[in-house]
Amino acid sequence: MPNSRRENKDARQTSARREPFDVTPAAHSVDAEEESSRKLLLKELSCLPLAITQAAAYINNNEISTRSYLDLLSKQKGKTTNPSDRRSEQQLQRHAANRAVAITTLISLQDVSRQDPMAANCLFFMAYVDRKDILLDLLPTSPSTPTEETVKLLSIYAILIQRPASSAVELHQLVHLTIRNYLQEQGLLY
């Protein structure tokens, strides 16, 4: 008995020590460069769960390396404004969190727009309405892309949340804000 308890404890500790983004089977090892890239990505995303989830979703959906995603992140960062030096430390931390989620959302939005313009239109529509309890029946649709497929694509990218057994969806507050800001920058929302 004592051995099996110890083995269970060791197994739990081993699984708890796994690195984030460990999407490879346990039999395959991750090279040092990929591991280093993953750690850098976590740092760049301020270890924020939503930003990490969106980044991992993009990496997995597009089957790219973490290094490739870091390159996308770097390009997108250059397009967003930097925080003012006059902000308090608390405001800077909040801005860093908002910025990390904004950048990952915009990277995913660009890919979604390329794959399925109707899905992007659904996101834009959601930016005009409240971010919670958006009825699926209200989302713009097209004969070629049913609402279910659109919602599935947006869920894959961790942009949209659909509650089980629900006929409504919602956006995270920061995702909603990012899309609204994007539309304002494009002159589509006032």
N, C-alpha and C. Protein backbone atom coordinates (compact mmCIF):
# COMPACT_ATOMS: atom_id res chain seq x y z
N MET A 1 0.80 -1.21 0.00
CA MET A 1 0.00 0.00 0.00
C MET A 1 0.84 1.27 0.00
N PRO A 2 1.83 1.39 0.90
CA PRO A 2 2.62 2.61 0.93
C PRO A 2 3.29 2.92 -0.41
N ASN A 3 3.75 1.87 -1.13
CA ASN A 3 4.39 2.11 -2.41
C ASN A 3 3.43 2.70 -3.43
N SER A 4 2.19 2.21 -3.48
CA SER A 4 1.24 2.74 -4.46
C SER A 4 0.87 4.19 -4.14
N ARG A 5 0.77 4.54 -2.88
CA ARG A 5 0.50 5.94 -2.52
C ARG A 5 1.66 6.83 -2.95
N ARG A 6 2.86 6.33 -2.72
CA ARG A 6 4.04 7.12 -3.09
C ARG A 6 4.11 7.28 -4.61
N GLU A 7 3.81 6.21 -5.34
CA GLU A 7 3.82 6.28 -6.80
C GLU A 7 2.77 7.26 -7.30
N ASN A 8 1.57 7.25 -6.70
CA ASN A 8 0.53 8.20 -7.09
C ASN A 8 0.97 9.63 -6.83
N LYS A 9 1.61 9.84 -5.66
CA LYS A 9 2.08 11.18 -5.32
C LYS A 9 3.15 11.63 -6.30
N ASP A 10 4.09 10.73 -6.63
CA ASP A 10 5.14 11.05 -7.60
C ASP A 10 4.55 11.36 -8.97
N ALA A 11 3.55 10.60 -9.38
CA ALA A 11 2.91 10.84 -10.67
C ALA A 11 2.22 12.20 -10.70
N ARG A 12 1.54 12.57 -9.61
CA ARG A 12 0.88 13.88 -9.54
C ARG A 12 1.91 15.00 -9.60
N GLN A 13 3.00 14.84 -8.87
CA GLN A 13 4.04 15.88 -8.87
C GLN A 13 4.67 16.01 -10.24
N THR A 14 4.90 14.89 -10.92
CA THR A 14 5.48 14.93 -12.25
C THR A 14 4.55 15.64 -13.22
N SER A 15 3.25 15.33 -13.18
CA SER A 15 2.31 15.98 -14.09
C SER A 15 2.13 17.45 -13.75
N ALA A 16 2.26 17.81 -12.49
CA ALA A 16 2.13 19.22 -12.10
C ALA A 16 3.32 20.04 -12.58
N ARG A 17 4.47 19.39 -12.81
CA ARG A 17 5.67 20.11 -13.25
C ARG A 17 5.75 20.26 -14.75
N ARG A 18 4.84 19.69 -15.50
CA ARG A 18 4.87 19.80 -16.95
C ARG A 18 4.82 21.26 -17.36
N GLU A 19 5.52 21.55 -18.41
CA GLU A 19 5.54 22.90 -18.93
C GLU A 19 4.23 23.21 -19.65
N PRO A 20 3.77 24.47 -19.61
CA PRO A 20 2.62 24.85 -20.41
C PRO A 20 2.92 24.61 -21.89
N PHE A 21 1.92 24.44 -22.69
CA PHE A 21 2.03 24.17 -24.12
C PHE A 21 2.60 22.80 -24.40
N ASP A 22 2.61 21.91 -23.38
CA ASP A 22 3.13 20.58 -23.58
C ASP A 22 2.11 19.78 -24.35
N VAL A 23 2.03 20.02 -25.65
CA VAL A 23 1.04 19.37 -26.49
C VAL A 23 1.60 18.13 -27.18
N THR A 24 2.89 17.87 -26.98
CA THR A 24 3.49 16.69 -27.59
C THR A 24 3.28 15.50 -26.69
N PRO A 25 3.18 14.31 -27.26
CA PRO A 25 3.05 13.12 -26.42
C PRO A 25 4.27 12.99 -25.51
N ALA A 26 4.07 12.36 -24.36
CA ALA A 26 5.14 12.24 -23.37
C ALA A 26 6.37 11.52 -23.93
N ALA A 27 6.17 10.64 -24.92
CA ALA A 27 7.28 9.90 -25.48
C ALA A 27 8.22 10.80 -26.29
N HIS A 28 7.73 11.92 -26.79
CA HIS A 28 8.54 12.82 -27.59
C HIS A 28 9.08 13.93 -26.69
N SER A 29 10.34 14.23 -26.87
CA SER A 29 10.91 15.31 -26.07
C SER A 29 10.87 16.60 -26.88
N VAL A 30 10.82 17.71 -26.18
CA VAL A 30 10.83 19.02 -26.79
C VAL A 30 12.26 19.52 -26.80
N ASP A 31 12.70 20.03 -27.95
CA ASP A 31 14.09 20.49 -27.99
C ASP A 31 14.25 21.77 -27.16
N ALA A 32 15.48 22.07 -26.86
CA ALA A 32 15.79 23.20 -25.97
C ALA A 32 15.31 24.53 -26.56
N GLU A 33 15.41 24.68 -27.88
CA GLU A 33 14.97 25.93 -28.52
C GLU A 33 13.46 26.12 -28.35
N GLU A 34 12.70 25.06 -28.55
CA GLU A 34 11.24 25.16 -28.40
C GLU A 34 10.88 25.46 -26.94
N GLU A 35 11.55 24.81 -26.02
CA GLU A 35 11.29 25.06 -24.61
C GLU A 35 11.61 26.51 -24.25
N SER A 36 12.71 27.00 -24.77
CA SER A 36 13.09 28.39 -24.53
C SER A 36 12.06 29.36 -25.14
N SER A 37 11.58 29.03 -26.32
CA SER A 37 10.56 29.86 -26.98
C SER A 37 9.26 29.87 -26.18
N ARG A 38 8.91 28.74 -25.62
CA ARG A 38 7.69 28.66 -24.82
C ARG A 38 7.78 29.53 -23.57
N LYS A 39 8.94 29.48 -22.93
CA LYS A 39 9.13 30.32 -21.74
C LYS A 39 9.09 31.80 -22.10
N LEU A 40 9.70 32.15 -23.22
CA LEU A 40 9.67 33.54 -23.67
C LEU A 40 8.24 33.97 -24.00
N LEU A 41 7.49 33.09 -24.63
CA LEU A 41 6.09 33.41 -24.96
C LEU A 41 5.28 33.66 -23.69
N LEU A 42 5.46 32.82 -22.69
CA LEU A 42 4.75 33.03 -21.43
C LEU A 42 5.09 34.38 -20.83
N LYS A 43 6.36 34.75 -20.90
CA LYS A 43 6.79 36.05 -20.39
C LYS A 43 6.15 37.18 -21.20
N GLU A 44 6.18 37.05 -22.52
CA GLU A 44 5.60 38.08 -23.40
C GLU A 44 4.10 38.25 -23.15
N LEU A 45 3.44 37.17 -22.79
CA LEU A 45 1.99 37.20 -22.56
C LEU A 45 1.65 37.46 -21.09
N SER A 46 2.64 37.83 -20.32
CA SER A 46 2.48 38.15 -18.89
C SER A 46 1.82 37.01 -18.13
N CYS A 47 2.00 35.79 -18.59
CA CYS A 47 1.42 34.58 -17.97
C CYS A 47 -0.10 34.69 -17.78
N LEU A 48 -0.75 35.44 -18.65
CA LEU A 48 -2.21 35.61 -18.56
C LEU A 48 -2.93 34.42 -19.20
N PRO A 49 -3.81 33.78 -18.46
CA PRO A 49 -4.49 32.59 -18.99
C PRO A 49 -5.21 32.81 -20.32
N LEU A 50 -5.93 33.91 -20.48
CA LEU A 50 -6.66 34.13 -21.72
C LEU A 50 -5.69 34.30 -22.89
N ALA A 51 -4.64 35.08 -22.71
CA ALA A 51 -3.66 35.29 -23.77
C ALA A 51 -2.95 33.97 -24.11
N ILE A 52 -2.61 33.20 -23.09
CA ILE A 52 -1.95 31.92 -23.31
C ILE A 52 -2.88 30.96 -24.06
N THR A 53 -4.14 30.93 -23.66
CA THR A 53 -5.11 30.05 -24.31
C THR A 53 -5.28 30.43 -25.78
N GLN A 54 -5.37 31.73 -26.07
CA GLN A 54 -5.51 32.16 -27.45
C GLN A 54 -4.25 31.83 -28.27
N ALA A 55 -3.09 32.05 -27.68
CA ALA A 55 -1.84 31.74 -28.38
C ALA A 55 -1.74 30.24 -28.66
N ALA A 56 -2.02 29.42 -27.66
CA ALA A 56 -1.96 27.97 -27.84
C ALA A 56 -2.97 27.51 -28.88
N ALA A 57 -4.15 28.10 -28.87
CA ALA A 57 -5.17 27.74 -29.87
C ALA A 57 -4.68 28.06 -31.28
N TYR A 58 -4.08 29.22 -31.44
CA TYR A 58 -3.55 29.62 -32.75
C TYR A 58 -2.43 28.68 -33.18
N ILE A 59 -1.50 28.42 -32.26
CA ILE A 59 -0.36 27.54 -32.56
C ILE A 59 -0.85 26.16 -32.97
N ASN A 60 -1.78 25.61 -32.22
CA ASN A 60 -2.29 24.27 -32.52
C ASN A 60 -3.11 24.26 -33.81
N ASN A 61 -3.95 25.26 -34.01
CA ASN A 61 -4.81 25.29 -35.20
C ASN A 61 -4.00 25.47 -36.47
N ASN A 62 -2.94 26.24 -36.40
CA ASN A 62 -2.13 26.51 -37.59
C ASN A 62 -0.88 25.63 -37.68
N GLU A 63 -0.70 24.77 -36.67
CA GLU A 63 0.43 23.85 -36.63
C GLU A 63 1.75 24.56 -36.89
N ILE A 64 1.99 25.62 -36.11
CA ILE A 64 3.24 26.38 -36.22
C ILE A 64 4.04 26.22 -34.93
N SER A 65 5.28 26.60 -35.00
CA SER A 65 6.13 26.52 -33.81
C SER A 65 5.87 27.73 -32.91
N THR A 66 6.29 27.61 -31.69
CA THR A 66 6.18 28.72 -30.76
C THR A 66 7.03 29.89 -31.25
N ARG A 67 8.19 29.60 -31.84
CA ARG A 67 9.06 30.65 -32.39
C ARG A 67 8.32 31.44 -33.48
N SER A 68 7.58 30.74 -34.33
CA SER A 68 6.81 31.41 -35.39
C SER A 68 5.74 32.31 -34.79
N TYR A 69 5.11 31.84 -33.72
CA TYR A 69 4.09 32.67 -33.07
C TYR A 69 4.74 33.89 -32.42
N LEU A 70 5.91 33.72 -31.84
CA LEU A 70 6.63 34.86 -31.26
C LEU A 70 6.93 35.91 -32.33
N ASP A 71 7.24 35.47 -33.55
CA ASP A 71 7.46 36.40 -34.65
C ASP A 71 6.17 37.18 -34.97
N LEU A 72 5.05 36.47 -35.02
CA LEU A 72 3.76 37.14 -35.23
C LEU A 72 3.47 38.14 -34.12
N LEU A 73 3.75 37.73 -32.90
CA LEU A 73 3.53 38.58 -31.73
C LEU A 73 4.37 39.85 -31.83
N SER A 74 5.60 39.69 -32.24
CA SER A 74 6.51 40.83 -32.38
C SER A 74 6.00 41.81 -33.44
N LYS A 75 5.55 41.29 -34.57
CA LYS A 75 5.02 42.15 -35.64
C LYS A 75 3.78 42.89 -35.17
N GLN A 76 2.88 42.18 -34.46
CA GLN A 76 1.64 42.80 -33.99
C GLN A 76 1.92 43.83 -32.91
N LYS A 77 2.91 43.57 -32.07
CA LYS A 77 3.27 44.52 -31.01
C LYS A 77 3.68 45.85 -31.59
N GLY A 78 4.39 45.80 -32.72
CA GLY A 78 4.84 47.02 -33.36
C GLY A 78 3.70 47.89 -33.87
N LYS A 79 2.53 47.28 -34.07
CA LYS A 79 1.37 48.01 -34.57
C LYS A 79 0.54 48.63 -33.46
N THR A 80 0.77 48.23 -32.20
CA THR A 80 -0.01 48.77 -31.09
C THR A 80 0.79 49.81 -30.35
N THR A 81 0.10 50.73 -29.73
CA THR A 81 0.77 51.83 -29.04
C THR A 81 1.33 51.37 -27.70
N ASN A 82 2.39 52.00 -27.29
CA ASN A 82 3.02 51.70 -26.00
C ASN A 82 2.38 52.52 -24.90
N PRO A 83 2.41 52.02 -23.66
CA PRO A 83 1.84 52.77 -22.56
C PRO A 83 2.64 54.04 -22.28
N SER A 84 1.95 55.02 -21.76
CA SER A 84 2.59 56.29 -21.42
C SER A 84 3.49 56.11 -20.20
N ASP A 85 4.61 56.82 -20.19
CA ASP A 85 5.52 56.75 -19.05
C ASP A 85 4.92 57.37 -17.79
N ARG A 86 3.88 58.16 -17.95
CA ARG A 86 3.28 58.85 -16.81
C ARG A 86 2.27 57.99 -16.05
N ARG A 87 2.03 56.80 -16.48
CA ARG A 87 1.07 55.94 -15.80
C ARG A 87 1.66 55.37 -14.52
N SER A 88 0.79 55.10 -13.57
CA SER A 88 1.23 54.48 -12.33
C SER A 88 1.61 53.03 -12.60
N GLU A 89 2.30 52.42 -11.65
CA GLU A 89 2.72 51.03 -11.82
C GLU A 89 1.50 50.12 -11.97
N GLN A 90 0.44 50.38 -11.20
CA GLN A 90 -0.77 49.57 -11.30
C GLN A 90 -1.41 49.72 -12.68
N GLN A 91 -1.44 50.94 -13.20
CA GLN A 91 -2.00 51.16 -14.53
C GLN A 91 -1.15 50.46 -15.59
N LEU A 92 0.16 50.48 -15.43
CA LEU A 92 1.04 49.81 -16.38
C LEU A 92 0.81 48.30 -16.37
N GLN A 93 0.62 47.71 -15.18
CA GLN A 93 0.35 46.28 -15.10
C GLN A 93 -0.97 45.94 -15.78
N ARG A 94 -1.99 46.75 -15.52
CA ARG A 94 -3.30 46.53 -16.15
C ARG A 94 -3.18 46.68 -17.66
N HIS A 95 -2.42 47.70 -18.10
CA HIS A 95 -2.24 47.91 -19.53
C HIS A 95 -1.51 46.73 -20.17
N ALA A 96 -0.50 46.18 -19.47
CA ALA A 96 0.24 45.03 -19.99
C ALA A 96 -0.70 43.84 -20.18
N ALA A 97 -1.59 43.64 -19.23
CA ALA A 97 -2.57 42.55 -19.34
C ALA A 97 -3.50 42.80 -20.51
N ASN A 98 -4.04 43.99 -20.61
CA ASN A 98 -4.93 44.32 -21.72
C ASN A 98 -4.21 44.18 -23.05
N ARG A 99 -2.96 44.64 -23.09
CA ARG A 99 -2.20 44.62 -24.33
C ARG A 99 -1.90 43.19 -24.77
N ALA A 100 -1.53 42.32 -23.84
CA ALA A 100 -1.24 40.93 -24.19
C ALA A 100 -2.46 40.25 -24.80
N VAL A 101 -3.62 40.45 -24.19
CA VAL A 101 -4.85 39.85 -24.72
C VAL A 101 -5.22 40.51 -26.04
N ALA A 102 -5.04 41.82 -26.14
CA ALA A 102 -5.36 42.52 -27.39
C ALA A 102 -4.52 42.00 -28.54
N ILE A 103 -3.24 41.80 -28.29
CA ILE A 103 -2.35 41.33 -29.35
C ILE A 103 -2.71 39.92 -29.80
N THR A 104 -2.95 39.02 -28.85
CA THR A 104 -3.31 37.65 -29.24
C THR A 104 -4.67 37.62 -29.94
N THR A 105 -5.59 38.46 -29.50
CA THR A 105 -6.90 38.53 -30.15
C THR A 105 -6.76 39.02 -31.58
N LEU A 106 -5.97 40.06 -31.79
CA LEU A 106 -5.80 40.61 -33.14
C LEU A 106 -5.10 39.63 -34.07
N ILE A 107 -4.14 38.89 -33.56
CA ILE A 107 -3.48 37.86 -34.38
C ILE A 107 -4.51 36.82 -34.82
N SER A 108 -5.33 36.38 -33.88
CA SER A 108 -6.36 35.39 -34.20
C SER A 108 -7.42 35.98 -35.13
N LEU A 109 -7.79 37.23 -34.91
CA LEU A 109 -8.79 37.88 -35.75
C LEU A 109 -8.33 37.93 -37.20
N GLN A 110 -7.06 38.24 -37.42
CA GLN A 110 -6.54 38.28 -38.79
C GLN A 110 -6.65 36.91 -39.46
N ASP A 111 -6.34 35.86 -38.71
CA ASP A 111 -6.42 34.52 -39.27
C ASP A 111 -7.87 34.11 -39.52
N VAL A 112 -8.74 34.43 -38.58
CA VAL A 112 -10.16 34.13 -38.75
C VAL A 112 -10.71 34.86 -39.97
N SER A 113 -10.35 36.13 -40.13
CA SER A 113 -10.82 36.93 -41.29
C SER A 113 -10.39 36.30 -42.60
N ARG A 114 -9.18 35.77 -42.61
CA ARG A 114 -8.67 35.12 -43.82
C ARG A 114 -9.41 33.81 -44.10
N GLN A 115 -9.65 33.03 -43.05
CA GLN A 115 -10.31 31.72 -43.21
C GLN A 115 -11.79 31.84 -43.50
N ASP A 116 -12.47 32.73 -42.77
CA ASP A 116 -13.93 32.81 -42.87
C ASP A 116 -14.39 34.24 -42.58
N PRO A 117 -14.53 35.06 -43.62
CA PRO A 117 -14.95 36.45 -43.41
C PRO A 117 -16.28 36.57 -42.64
N MET A 118 -17.16 35.59 -42.78
CA MET A 118 -18.43 35.65 -42.05
C MET A 118 -18.20 35.54 -40.54
N ALA A 119 -17.23 34.75 -40.14
CA ALA A 119 -16.90 34.64 -38.71
C ALA A 119 -16.39 35.98 -38.19
N ALA A 120 -15.58 36.65 -38.98
CA ALA A 120 -15.10 37.99 -38.60
C ALA A 120 -16.28 38.96 -38.51
N ASN A 121 -17.21 38.86 -39.44
CA ASN A 121 -18.40 39.72 -39.39
C ASN A 121 -19.22 39.47 -38.13
N CYS A 122 -19.28 38.22 -37.71
CA CYS A 122 -19.99 37.90 -36.46
C CYS A 122 -19.30 38.59 -35.28
N LEU A 123 -17.98 38.56 -35.26
CA LEU A 123 -17.25 39.24 -34.18
C LEU A 123 -17.52 40.74 -34.21
N PHE A 124 -17.52 41.31 -35.40
CA PHE A 124 -17.76 42.74 -35.53
C PHE A 124 -19.18 43.08 -35.06
N PHE A 125 -20.13 42.22 -35.40
CA PHE A 125 -21.50 42.43 -34.93
C PHE A 125 -21.55 42.40 -33.41
N MET A 126 -20.84 41.43 -32.82
CA MET A 126 -20.84 41.30 -31.36
C MET A 126 -20.21 42.52 -30.69
N ALA A 127 -19.33 43.20 -31.39
CA ALA A 127 -18.72 44.41 -30.82
C ALA A 127 -19.75 45.54 -30.70
N TYR A 128 -20.78 45.50 -31.52
CA TYR A 128 -21.81 46.53 -31.50
C TYR A 128 -22.85 46.29 -30.40
N VAL A 129 -22.95 45.06 -29.94
CA VAL A 129 -23.95 44.74 -28.93
C VAL A 129 -23.26 44.38 -27.62
N ASP A 130 -24.02 44.10 -26.62
CA ASP A 130 -23.46 43.70 -25.33
C ASP A 130 -22.66 42.42 -25.53
N ARG A 131 -21.62 42.24 -24.75
CA ARG A 131 -20.72 41.10 -24.92
C ARG A 131 -21.27 39.80 -24.36
N LYS A 132 -22.34 39.84 -23.58
CA LYS A 132 -22.87 38.64 -22.95
C LYS A 132 -24.23 38.27 -23.54
N ASP A 133 -24.52 36.98 -23.49
CA ASP A 133 -25.82 36.44 -23.88
C ASP A 133 -26.28 36.92 -25.25
N ILE A 134 -25.40 36.78 -26.23
CA ILE A 134 -25.74 37.14 -27.61
C ILE A 134 -26.39 35.90 -28.23
N LEU A 135 -27.63 36.03 -28.59
CA LEU A 135 -28.37 34.89 -29.14
C LEU A 135 -27.78 34.47 -30.48
N LEU A 136 -27.63 33.18 -30.68
CA LEU A 136 -27.10 32.66 -31.93
C LEU A 136 -27.96 33.06 -33.12
N ASP A 137 -29.27 33.17 -32.89
CA ASP A 137 -30.18 33.55 -33.97
C ASP A 137 -29.94 34.97 -34.47
N LEU A 138 -29.28 35.80 -33.67
CA LEU A 138 -29.01 37.18 -34.08
C LEU A 138 -27.73 37.33 -34.90
N LEU A 139 -26.87 36.33 -34.85
CA LEU A 139 -25.59 36.44 -35.55
C LEU A 139 -25.80 36.42 -37.06
N PRO A 140 -25.02 37.25 -37.77
CA PRO A 140 -25.11 37.24 -39.23
C PRO A 140 -24.70 35.87 -39.77
N THR A 141 -25.39 35.42 -40.79
CA THR A 141 -25.09 34.11 -41.37
C THR A 141 -25.03 34.22 -42.88
N SER A 142 -24.54 33.17 -43.48
CA SER A 142 -24.57 33.05 -44.94
C SER A 142 -24.93 31.61 -45.26
N PRO A 143 -25.49 31.38 -46.44
CA PRO A 143 -25.84 30.00 -46.80
C PRO A 143 -24.63 29.06 -46.81
N SER A 144 -23.46 29.60 -47.14
CA SER A 144 -22.27 28.74 -47.22
C SER A 144 -21.64 28.46 -45.86
N THR A 145 -21.93 29.28 -44.86
CA THR A 145 -21.35 29.08 -43.54
C THR A 145 -22.44 29.12 -42.47
N PRO A 146 -22.93 27.98 -42.04
CA PRO A 146 -23.94 27.98 -40.99
C PRO A 146 -23.38 28.56 -39.68
N THR A 147 -24.26 29.05 -38.84
CA THR A 147 -23.87 29.65 -37.57
C THR A 147 -23.04 28.70 -36.73
N GLU A 148 -23.40 27.43 -36.73
CA GLU A 148 -22.68 26.45 -35.91
C GLU A 148 -21.21 26.37 -36.31
N GLU A 149 -20.93 26.42 -37.61
CA GLU A 149 -19.54 26.37 -38.07
C GLU A 149 -18.79 27.63 -37.68
N THR A 150 -19.46 28.77 -37.78
CA THR A 150 -18.85 30.04 -37.40
C THR A 150 -18.50 30.03 -35.92
N VAL A 151 -19.44 29.61 -35.09
CA VAL A 151 -19.22 29.56 -33.65
C VAL A 151 -18.10 28.57 -33.32
N LYS A 152 -18.06 27.45 -34.02
CA LYS A 152 -17.01 26.46 -33.79
C LYS A 152 -15.64 27.04 -34.11
N LEU A 153 -15.51 27.75 -35.22
CA LEU A 153 -14.23 28.35 -35.59
C LEU A 153 -13.79 29.38 -34.55
N LEU A 154 -14.69 30.23 -34.12
CA LEU A 154 -14.35 31.25 -33.13
C LEU A 154 -14.02 30.62 -31.78
N SER A 155 -14.64 29.51 -31.48
CA SER A 155 -14.33 28.79 -30.24
C SER A 155 -12.96 28.13 -30.31
N ILE A 156 -12.61 27.61 -31.47
CA ILE A 156 -11.30 26.98 -31.66
C ILE A 156 -10.19 27.98 -31.35
N TYR A 157 -10.39 29.23 -31.76
CA TYR A 157 -9.40 30.27 -31.51
C TYR A 157 -9.52 30.90 -30.12
N ALA A 158 -10.41 30.38 -29.31
CA ALA A 158 -10.61 30.87 -27.94
C ALA A 158 -10.98 32.35 -27.92
N ILE A 159 -11.75 32.76 -28.91
CA ILE A 159 -12.21 34.14 -29.00
C ILE A 159 -13.61 34.26 -28.41
N LEU A 160 -14.37 33.22 -28.58
CA LEU A 160 -15.78 33.23 -28.23
C LEU A 160 -16.06 32.14 -27.21
N ILE A 161 -17.02 32.38 -26.34
CA ILE A 161 -17.40 31.39 -25.34
C ILE A 161 -18.84 30.97 -25.60
N GLN A 162 -19.06 29.68 -25.78
CA GLN A 162 -20.42 29.17 -25.91
C GLN A 162 -20.67 28.24 -24.74
N ARG A 163 -21.69 28.57 -23.99
CA ARG A 163 -22.05 27.74 -22.84
C ARG A 163 -22.73 26.47 -23.34
N PRO A 164 -22.43 25.34 -22.69
CA PRO A 164 -23.09 24.09 -23.09
C PRO A 164 -24.61 24.21 -22.97
N ALA A 165 -25.28 23.61 -23.92
CA ALA A 165 -26.76 23.60 -23.94
C ALA A 165 -27.33 25.01 -23.92
N SER A 166 -26.64 25.92 -24.56
CA SER A 166 -27.10 27.31 -24.59
C SER A 166 -27.26 27.77 -26.03
N SER A 167 -28.21 28.62 -26.26
CA SER A 167 -28.40 29.18 -27.59
C SER A 167 -27.83 30.58 -27.67
N ALA A 168 -26.87 30.86 -26.78
CA ALA A 168 -26.24 32.17 -26.76
C ALA A 168 -24.73 32.02 -26.59
N VAL A 169 -24.02 33.06 -26.98
CA VAL A 169 -22.56 33.09 -26.85
C VAL A 169 -22.17 34.39 -26.15
N GLU A 170 -20.89 34.46 -25.79
CA GLU A 170 -20.40 35.70 -25.20
C GLU A 170 -18.92 35.87 -25.52
N LEU A 171 -18.45 37.08 -25.33
CA LEU A 171 -17.05 37.41 -25.51
C LEU A 171 -16.47 37.81 -24.17
N HIS A 172 -15.21 37.48 -23.95
CA HIS A 172 -14.54 37.97 -22.76
C HIS A 172 -14.48 39.50 -22.86
N GLN A 173 -14.51 40.16 -21.74
CA GLN A 173 -14.52 41.62 -21.70
C GLN A 173 -13.35 42.22 -22.49
N LEU A 174 -12.14 41.68 -22.34
CA LEU A 174 -10.99 42.22 -23.06
C LEU A 174 -11.04 41.94 -24.55
N VAL A 175 -11.60 40.80 -24.93
CA VAL A 175 -11.76 40.49 -26.36
C VAL A 175 -12.77 41.46 -26.96
N HIS A 176 -13.87 41.69 -26.27
CA HIS A 176 -14.90 42.63 -26.73
C HIS A 176 -14.31 44.02 -26.91
N LEU A 177 -13.55 44.48 -25.92
CA LEU A 177 -12.92 45.79 -25.97
C LEU A 177 -11.92 45.88 -27.13
N THR A 178 -11.14 44.83 -27.33
CA THR A 178 -10.16 44.81 -28.41
C THR A 178 -10.83 44.93 -29.78
N ILE A 179 -11.90 44.20 -29.97
CA ILE A 179 -12.60 44.24 -31.26
C ILE A 179 -13.24 45.61 -31.47
N ARG A 180 -13.81 46.17 -30.41
CA ARG A 180 -14.38 47.53 -30.52
C ARG A 180 -13.29 48.54 -30.88
N ASN A 181 -12.13 48.45 -30.22
CA ASN A 181 -11.02 49.36 -30.52
C ASN A 181 -10.54 49.18 -31.96
N TYR A 182 -10.46 47.95 -32.41
CA TYR A 182 -10.05 47.66 -33.78
C TYR A 182 -11.01 48.32 -34.77
N LEU A 183 -12.30 48.16 -34.52
CA LEU A 183 -13.30 48.77 -35.41
C LEU A 183 -13.23 50.29 -35.38
N GLN A 184 -12.96 50.87 -34.23
CA GLN A 184 -12.81 52.33 -34.13
C GLN A 184 -11.60 52.79 -34.94
N GLU A 185 -10.50 52.08 -34.84
CA GLU A 185 -9.30 52.42 -35.61
C GLU A 185 -9.56 52.32 -37.11
N GLN A 186 -10.44 51.40 -37.51
CA GLN A 186 -10.77 51.23 -38.92
C GLN A 186 -11.85 52.22 -39.38
N GLY A 187 -12.35 53.01 -38.45
CA GLY A 187 -13.40 53.98 -38.78
C GLY A 187 -14.77 53.36 -38.95
N LEU A 188 -14.97 52.18 -38.40
CA LEU A 188 -16.23 51.47 -38.55
C LEU A 188 -17.13 51.55 -37.32
N LEU A 189 -16.60 52.10 -36.24
CA LEU A 189 -17.36 52.23 -35.00
C LEU A 189 -17.02 53.57 -34.40
N TYR A 190 -18.04 54.29 -34.02
CA TYR A 190 -17.82 55.64 -33.48
C TYR A 190 -18.19 55.74 -32.02
